[in-house]
Every structure is written in C-alpha cells, then in structure tokens.
Amino acid sequence: MSAARQGRRCEWFGAEHSSSRRQITKEVLNPDATTFRLDWTCSLIGHLSGLLYPDETRVDFAPDALGRPSKAGSYARAVTHS
C-alpha cells in the first residue's frame, strides 16, 4: 500500500504477524526513502503491552484484564476507564 501526500511518497510495508495468535509484532513505514520501524509487544494473553519506536523510545501500556491500557509510558499514568 502506498500513498502520496503533498507530492511526497510514503510506503507502508504493513505489519508482520509472527506469533501463534497472529498478533502484530512489527510495522514498517517508509516515507521519502527513510525507514521507520515500530516493534509491538503483547502480553501473554494477547493484549498490546508496548511499542518500541525507531529512536529506541519504549512506551509501555500495562494493559488491564480487558486489554485496556492503564498507562502510556511516562506520558500518561493512572489511566482510568469508565
């Protein structure tokens, strides 16, 4: 899949599924021939538990039993859901 915006080309190489549950484990974006990779981590029961960005920034989500994030790294803590 590719998209052109404001005369720039951006390619999305999609997501790699490499777990037994077919969970996304990697996503690659290639804007203007620069590759950005996002690495996804999942909890033992399949909930998204973190992302690793190209600059090595890790954002942990600490999902609750329903898979809802209880934080977003140091950006948001003590998240509540109603």
Protein backbone atom coordinates (compact mmCIF):
# COMPACT_ATOMS: atom_id res chain seq x y z
CA MET A 1 0.00 0.00 0.00
CA SER A 2 1.35 3.41 -0.82
CA ALA A 3 0.02 6.93 -0.51
CA ALA A 4 1.12 10.23 -1.96
CA ARG A 5 0.62 13.39 0.09
CA GLN A 6 1.75 16.88 -0.89
CA GLY A 7 3.94 15.45 -3.63
CA ARG A 8 5.75 13.10 -1.24
CA ARG A 9 5.67 9.35 -1.49
CA CYS A 10 5.06 7.28 1.60
CA GLU A 11 5.05 3.48 1.58
CA TRP A 12 3.63 1.34 4.33
CA PHE A 13 5.04 -2.15 4.27
CA GLY A 14 2.38 -3.40 6.60
CA ALA A 15 2.54 -5.45 9.69
CA GLU A 16 4.32 -8.69 10.34
CA HIS A 17 2.46 -11.40 12.18
CA SER A 18 4.86 -13.78 13.81
CA SER A 19 3.08 -15.00 16.90
CA SER A 20 0.83 -18.04 17.17
CA ARG A 21 -2.14 -15.70 17.71
CA ARG A 22 -1.26 -13.72 14.54
CA GLN A 23 -0.54 -10.66 16.64
CA ILE A 24 1.22 -7.73 15.04
CA THR A 25 4.85 -7.73 16.08
CA LYS A 26 6.37 -5.19 13.67
CA GLU A 27 5.18 -2.33 11.48
CA VAL A 28 7.36 -0.56 8.90
CA LEU A 29 6.75 2.87 7.35
CA ASN A 30 8.95 4.22 4.59
CA PRO A 31 8.34 7.95 3.97
CA ASP A 32 10.73 9.56 1.49
CA ALA A 33 13.04 6.51 1.43
CA THR A 34 13.61 6.67 5.20
CA THR A 35 12.58 3.53 7.06
CA PHE A 36 10.80 3.71 10.41
CA ARG A 37 10.09 0.53 12.29
CA LEU A 38 7.69 0.06 15.21
CA ASP A 39 8.09 -3.07 17.29
CA TRP A 40 4.95 -4.20 19.13
CA THR A 41 4.95 -6.34 22.27
CA CYS A 42 1.96 -8.24 23.58
CA SER A 43 1.06 -9.68 26.96
CA LEU A 44 0.76 -13.41 27.48
CA ILE A 45 -2.98 -13.20 26.84
CA GLY A 46 -2.60 -11.18 23.64
CA HIS A 47 -3.09 -7.56 24.66
CA LEU A 48 -0.85 -4.83 23.28
CA SER A 49 1.57 -4.09 26.10
CA GLY A 50 4.15 -1.84 24.49
CA LEU A 51 5.67 -0.17 21.46
CA LEU A 52 9.32 0.42 20.62
CA TYR A 53 9.92 3.43 18.37
CA PRO A 54 12.85 3.92 15.94
CA ASP A 55 14.65 6.22 18.39
CA GLU A 56 14.57 3.38 20.98
CA THR A 57 11.80 5.07 22.97
CA ARG A 58 9.72 2.39 24.66
CA VAL A 59 6.12 3.10 25.60
CA ASP A 60 4.58 0.57 27.98
CA PHE A 61 0.81 0.33 28.22
CA ALA A 62 0.36 -2.07 31.18
CA PRO A 63 -2.96 -3.46 29.93
CA ASP A 64 -5.64 -4.45 32.42
CA ALA A 65 -7.53 -7.77 32.26
CA LEU A 66 -9.71 -6.42 29.44
CA GLY A 67 -6.72 -5.24 27.39
CA ARG A 68 -7.25 -1.55 28.06
CA PRO A 69 -4.08 0.45 28.70
CA SER A 70 -3.54 1.67 32.26
CA LYS A 71 -0.69 3.97 31.23
CA ALA A 72 1.24 5.16 28.17
CA GLY A 73 4.83 5.08 29.33
CA SER A 74 5.73 8.26 31.18
CA TYR A 75 3.31 10.27 29.03
CA ALA A 76 0.12 9.21 30.82
CA ARG A 77 -0.10 7.36 34.13
CA ALA A 78 -3.02 6.08 36.23
CA VAL A 79 -5.37 5.91 33.25
CA THR A 80 -8.94 5.03 34.18
CA HIS A 81 -11.78 3.73 32.04
CA SER A 82 -15.49 4.24 32.64
